[in-house]
Protein backbone atom coordinates (compact mmCIF):
# COMPACT_ATOMS: atom_id res chain seq x y z
CA UNK A 1 -19.07 -13.79 51.31
CA UNK A 2 -17.94 -16.99 52.99
CA UNK A 3 -16.41 -16.91 56.46
CA UNK A 4 -14.92 -19.81 58.42
CA UNK A 5 -14.46 -19.64 62.18
CA UNK A 6 -12.26 -21.99 64.18
CA UNK A 7 -12.88 -21.56 67.87
CA UNK A 8 -14.59 -22.29 71.14
CA UNK A 9 -18.19 -23.30 71.79
CA UNK A 10 -19.60 -22.83 75.29
CA UNK A 11 -22.79 -22.66 77.24
CA UNK A 12 -22.76 -19.42 79.24
CA UNK A 13 -24.24 -19.46 82.75
CA UNK A 14 -24.79 -15.78 83.52
CA UNK A 15 -25.51 -14.35 86.99
CA UNK A 16 -26.74 -10.76 86.70
CA UNK A 17 -26.79 -8.77 89.92
CA UNK A 18 -26.32 -5.36 91.47
CA UNK A 19 -22.53 -5.62 91.77
CA UNK A 20 -19.64 -7.93 90.97
CA UNK A 21 -18.16 -9.83 93.92
CA UNK A 22 -14.69 -8.94 95.16
CA UNK A 23 -12.08 -11.54 96.17
CA UNK A 24 -13.55 -13.79 98.86
CA UNK A 25 -16.91 -11.99 98.71
CA UNK A 26 -20.35 -13.56 98.22
CA UNK A 27 -23.02 -11.48 96.48
CA UNK A 28 -26.65 -12.63 96.63
CA UNK A 29 -29.78 -11.65 94.72
CA UNK A 30 -28.49 -12.35 91.19
CA UNK A 31 -30.69 -13.66 88.37
CA UNK A 32 -29.45 -16.69 86.40
CA UNK A 33 -29.53 -16.85 82.62
CA UNK A 34 -28.36 -19.55 80.19
CA UNK A 35 -27.07 -18.46 76.79
CA UNK A 36 -25.02 -20.04 73.99
CA UNK A 37 -21.48 -18.64 74.00
CA UNK A 38 -17.78 -19.24 73.38
CA UNK A 39 -15.71 -16.75 71.40
CA UNK A 40 -15.68 -18.91 68.28
CA UNK A 41 -19.42 -19.52 68.33
CA UNK A 42 -20.14 -15.87 69.17
CA UNK A 43 -18.09 -14.63 66.24
CA UNK A 44 -19.66 -17.18 63.91
CA UNK A 45 -23.19 -16.11 64.80
CA UNK A 46 -22.24 -12.42 64.60
CA UNK A 47 -20.81 -12.88 61.11
CA UNK A 48 -23.93 -14.78 60.05
CA UNK A 49 -26.28 -12.05 61.30
CA UNK A 50 -24.15 -9.49 59.48
CA UNK A 51 -24.83 -11.28 56.21
CA UNK A 52 -22.04 -13.80 55.64
CA UNK A 53 -22.26 -17.50 54.89
CA UNK A 54 -20.52 -19.03 57.91
CA UNK A 55 -18.97 -22.40 58.74
CA UNK A 56 -17.92 -23.10 62.33
CA UNK A 57 -15.18 -25.56 63.26
CA UNK A 58 -15.05 -26.60 66.92
CA UNK A 59 -15.83 -29.28 69.46
CA UNK A 60 -18.60 -30.06 71.96
CA UNK A 61 -19.23 -32.87 74.41
CA UNK A 62 -21.73 -35.69 74.07
CA UNK A 63 -24.07 -34.13 76.63
CA UNK A 64 -27.28 -32.13 76.94
CA UNK A 65 -25.41 -28.83 77.03
CA UNK A 66 -24.13 -29.31 73.47
CA UNK A 67 -27.56 -28.90 71.88
CA UNK A 68 -28.22 -25.80 73.99
CA UNK A 69 -24.82 -24.32 73.07
CA UNK A 70 -25.45 -24.87 69.34
CA UNK A 71 -29.14 -23.93 69.24
CA UNK A 72 -28.90 -20.36 67.93
CA UNK A 73 -26.17 -21.21 65.44
CA UNK A 74 -28.27 -24.03 64.02
CA UNK A 75 -31.45 -21.94 63.91
CA UNK A 76 -29.73 -19.15 61.98
CA UNK A 77 -28.08 -21.31 59.36
CA UNK A 78 -24.46 -21.54 60.46
CA UNK A 79 -22.82 -24.61 58.91
CA UNK A 80 -22.02 -26.92 61.84
CA UNK A 81 -20.69 -29.86 59.85
CA UNK A 82 -17.21 -28.99 61.16
CA UNK A 83 -18.25 -29.31 64.81
CA UNK A 84 -16.95 -32.56 66.32
CA UNK A 85 -18.70 -34.39 69.17
CA UNK A 86 -16.15 -35.49 71.78
CA UNK A 87 -17.20 -38.64 73.68
CA UNK A 88 -14.72 -38.06 76.50
CA UNK A 89 -15.05 -34.36 77.35
CA UNK A 90 -17.88 -32.10 78.44
CA UNK A 91 -19.15 -29.15 76.43
CA UNK A 92 -17.34 -25.97 77.46
CA UNK A 93 -18.99 -23.78 80.09
CA UNK A 94 -18.41 -20.12 80.93
CA UNK A 95 -19.40 -18.85 84.37
CA UNK A 96 -20.19 -15.15 84.00
CA UNK A 97 -21.09 -12.51 86.57
CA UNK A 98 -22.61 -9.27 85.23
CA UNK A 99 -23.19 -6.05 87.21
CA UNK A 100 -25.99 -3.51 86.75
CA UNK A 101 -23.54 -1.35 84.82
CA UNK A 102 -22.85 -4.12 82.32
CA UNK A 103 -19.32 -4.99 83.48
CA UNK A 104 -18.49 -8.68 83.73
CA UNK A 105 -16.20 -11.32 85.20
CA UNK A 106 -15.76 -14.60 83.31
CA UNK A 107 -14.32 -17.97 84.27
CA UNK A 108 -14.19 -20.58 81.50
CA UNK A 109 -14.23 -24.38 81.86
CA UNK A 110 -12.78 -25.36 78.48
CA UNK A 111 -14.00 -28.95 78.27
CA UNK A 112 -14.06 -30.16 74.66
CA UNK A 113 -12.59 -26.85 73.45
CA UNK A 114 -9.21 -27.97 74.79
CA UNK A 115 -9.13 -30.73 72.16
CA UNK A 116 -10.05 -28.69 69.05
CA UNK A 117 -7.88 -29.75 66.12
CA UNK A 118 -7.01 -28.02 62.84
CA UNK A 119 -9.55 -28.80 60.10
CA UNK A 120 -8.15 -30.70 57.13
CA UNK A 121 -9.62 -28.23 54.67
CA UNK A 122 -11.20 -24.77 54.96
CA UNK A 123 -12.89 -23.12 51.99
CA UNK A 124 -13.77 -19.50 52.65
CA UNK A 125 -12.88 -15.89 51.86
CA UNK A 126 -11.87 -15.18 55.47
CA UNK A 127 -10.84 -17.20 58.50
CA UNK A 128 -11.53 -15.88 62.00
CA UNK A 129 -9.49 -17.27 64.90
CA UNK A 130 -9.24 -16.73 68.67
CA UNK A 131 -7.27 -18.31 71.52
CA UNK A 132 -9.84 -20.24 73.59
CA UNK A 133 -8.74 -23.40 71.73
CA UNK A 134 -5.22 -24.90 71.46
CA UNK A 135 -2.76 -22.37 70.07
CA UNK A 136 -1.08 -25.05 67.96
CA UNK A 137 -4.37 -25.67 66.13
CA UNK A 138 -4.88 -21.95 65.60
CA UNK A 139 -1.38 -21.46 64.19
CA UNK A 140 -1.63 -24.46 61.87
CA UNK A 141 -4.99 -23.26 60.53
CA UNK A 142 -3.68 -19.73 59.94
CA UNK A 143 -0.57 -20.90 58.09
CA UNK A 144 -2.51 -23.35 55.91
CA UNK A 145 -5.23 -20.89 54.91
CA UNK A 146 -4.81 -18.89 51.71
CA UNK A 147 -7.33 -16.12 52.30
CA UNK A 148 -7.78 -13.27 54.78
CA UNK A 149 -6.76 -14.34 58.30
CA UNK A 150 -8.20 -12.41 61.28
CA UNK A 151 -6.96 -13.28 64.77
CA UNK A 152 -8.54 -12.10 68.00
CA UNK A 153 -5.63 -12.41 70.45
CA UNK A 154 -7.92 -13.24 73.36
CA UNK A 155 -7.45 -14.48 75.94
CA UNK A 156 -3.89 -13.17 76.05
CA UNK A 157 -1.47 -16.11 75.93
CA UNK A 158 1.96 -16.49 74.34
CA UNK A 159 1.79 -17.24 70.61
CA UNK A 160 4.47 -17.99 68.01
CA UNK A 161 5.79 -15.11 65.95
CA UNK A 162 4.60 -16.98 62.86
CA UNK A 163 0.97 -16.33 63.80
CA UNK A 164 1.53 -12.61 64.28
CA UNK A 165 3.40 -12.35 60.99
CA UNK A 166 0.73 -14.26 59.06
CA UNK A 167 -2.33 -12.35 60.27
CA UNK A 168 -4.00 -9.86 57.96
CA UNK A 169 -5.83 -8.48 61.01
CA UNK A 170 -5.05 -8.71 64.72
CA UNK A 171 -7.64 -7.49 67.26
CA UNK A 172 -6.79 -6.74 70.90
CA UNK A 173 -8.19 -4.75 73.80
CA UNK A 174 -6.00 -2.55 75.98
CA UNK A 175 -5.06 -5.34 78.39
CA UNK A 176 -4.12 -7.69 75.56
CA UNK A 177 -2.18 -4.93 73.78
CA UNK A 178 -0.08 -4.43 76.91
CA UNK A 179 0.56 -8.18 77.13
CA UNK A 180 1.81 -8.48 73.52
CA UNK A 181 3.56 -5.10 73.37
CA UNK A 182 5.72 -4.36 70.36
CA UNK A 183 5.22 -7.90 69.02
CA UNK A 184 1.85 -6.76 67.67
CA UNK A 185 3.61 -4.80 64.97
CA UNK A 186 5.32 -7.91 63.62
CA UNK A 187 2.11 -8.34 61.65
CA UNK A 188 2.28 -7.42 57.98
CA UNK A 189 -1.39 -6.59 58.23
CA UNK A 190 -3.58 -4.38 60.40
CA UNK A 191 -3.93 -4.18 64.18
CA UNK A 192 -7.20 -3.06 65.75
CA UNK A 193 -7.11 -1.79 69.33
CA UNK A 194 -10.44 -1.64 71.13
CA UNK A 195 -10.83 1.02 73.82
CA UNK A 196 -14.17 0.17 75.42
CA UNK A 197 -16.55 3.12 75.49
CA UNK A 198 -13.87 5.25 73.80
CA UNK A 199 -14.14 3.25 70.58
CA UNK A 200 -11.28 1.72 68.62
CA UNK A 201 -8.21 2.45 66.50
CA UNK A 202 -6.88 0.67 63.42
CA UNK A 203 -3.13 0.60 62.80
CA UNK A 204 -0.78 -0.78 60.17
CA UNK A 205 2.99 -0.93 60.67
CA UNK A 206 3.02 1.89 63.19
CA UNK A 207 0.68 4.20 61.26
CA UNK A 208 -2.83 4.88 62.51
CA UNK A 209 -5.27 4.32 59.67
CA UNK A 210 -8.51 5.17 61.44
CA UNK A 211 -10.19 5.94 64.74
CA UNK A 212 -13.89 5.52 65.52
CA UNK A 213 -16.17 6.02 68.51
CA UNK A 214 -19.36 4.08 69.33
CA UNK A 215 -22.81 5.65 69.64
CA UNK A 216 -24.06 6.65 73.09
CA UNK A 217 -26.41 3.90 74.28
CA UNK A 218 -27.62 2.34 77.52
CA UNK A 219 -25.32 -0.59 78.32
CA UNK A 220 -26.98 -3.74 79.69
CA UNK A 221 -24.30 -6.42 79.23
CA UNK A 222 -20.88 -6.13 77.57
CA UNK A 223 -20.45 -9.92 77.19
CA UNK A 224 -19.76 -10.76 73.56
CA UNK A 225 -19.46 -7.16 72.35
CA UNK A 226 -15.82 -7.71 71.40
CA UNK A 227 -16.76 -10.79 69.39
CA UNK A 228 -19.35 -8.82 67.42
CA UNK A 229 -16.75 -6.09 66.79
CA UNK A 230 -14.32 -8.75 65.56
CA UNK A 231 -16.79 -10.23 63.09
CA UNK A 232 -18.00 -6.85 61.84
CA UNK A 233 -14.52 -5.46 61.26
CA UNK A 234 -13.38 -8.59 59.44
CA UNK A 235 -16.40 -8.51 57.13
CA UNK A 236 -16.02 -4.79 56.46
CA UNK A 237 -12.36 -5.08 55.50
CA UNK A 238 -12.80 -8.19 53.36
CA UNK A 239 -15.76 -6.60 51.59
CA UNK A 240 -13.41 -3.79 50.56
CA UNK A 241 -14.63 -0.92 52.71
CA UNK A 242 -12.18 1.82 53.60
CA UNK A 243 -10.56 1.38 57.05
CA UNK A 244 -12.52 4.22 58.68
CA UNK A 245 -15.81 2.95 57.28
CA UNK A 246 -15.15 -0.63 58.41
CA UNK A 247 -13.99 0.46 61.86
CA UNK A 248 -16.99 2.75 62.40
CA UNK A 249 -19.44 -0.01 61.49
CA UNK A 250 -17.63 -2.42 63.80
CA UNK A 251 -17.89 0.04 66.69
CA UNK A 252 -21.61 0.48 66.06
CA UNK A 253 -22.14 -3.28 65.90
CA UNK A 254 -20.18 -3.81 69.13
CA UNK A 255 -22.17 -1.09 70.88
CA UNK A 256 -25.49 -2.59 69.80
CA UNK A 257 -24.36 -5.92 71.26
CA UNK A 258 -24.32 -4.36 74.75
CA UNK A 259 -28.00 -3.45 74.72
CA UNK A 260 -29.40 -6.84 75.77
CA UNK A 261 -28.21 -9.82 77.86
CA UNK A 262 -26.18 -12.72 76.49
CA UNK A 263 -23.30 -12.93 74.05
CA UNK A 264 -25.14 -14.50 71.12
CA UNK A 265 -28.72 -13.23 71.60
CA UNK A 266 -27.38 -9.67 71.53
CA UNK A 267 -25.53 -9.92 68.20
CA UNK A 268 -27.10 -7.35 65.83
CA UNK A 269 -28.19 -7.82 62.23
CA UNK A 270 -26.63 -5.88 59.38
CA UNK A 271 -29.88 -3.96 59.03
CA UNK A 272 -29.74 -2.87 62.68
CA UNK A 273 -26.16 -1.65 62.23
CA UNK A 274 -27.06 0.27 59.08
CA UNK A 275 -30.08 1.84 60.78
CA UNK A 276 -27.97 2.98 63.71
CA UNK A 277 -25.36 4.42 61.36
CA UNK A 278 -28.09 6.25 59.48
CA UNK A 279 -29.41 7.71 62.71
CA UNK A 280 -25.91 8.97 63.53
CA UNK A 281 -25.47 10.70 60.19
């Protein structure tokens, strides 16, 4: 199966500490980690580890952070020929604070991601999109693509109705679902609503197709779990699995992604997902 991803590429600077700071508060004693990230890159790597052939389309700066941001993708065989090097902008950076309980706060410096353009040609079975790059580029890519279009409506920003109508799959969390409201059901396809530790639901035109809950595990870091869920659900549906089967596997994959630090390092393999599902049976 061939998957194309158009989206953001970041280097994540992660401060893990006892608690998240409140407004105006300074919290000391955190440990700093550096991990490749960006919703587009995260979803590309997740899809690759779940068994797909993956091509990533995005943009990085001409700086030392670019190689670090692309390292895992390159090592695991993601096609990076569609990644453009921008001579005038820095590689995107995400500043992430993570608490002992795995909750996070994220501030993103878009850098080169803000200049991502629509690829001239995409050859794949499925196209995965998110909103950390220009919405106009996302919409143009979705409308030009002839295969399965999956859109993660994150972060929540206004989008044209044409994007919602074109999508075969929309994925939102509870906050994003509240932002888009009834517009979500303009889609002719499916809408997945993630509910954190409560799992997820899959809807189509007002009818709930499936509900699934994740396994009980010790959460270390929730960063990137939604991106793994996105990739896993897209692959499951395009591979022809029944909605409940695809949603259950996506919940398991997303849960496994919370068991170690970093958005990309934590993305599970297909074998790990299948083993966890077998243990649940």
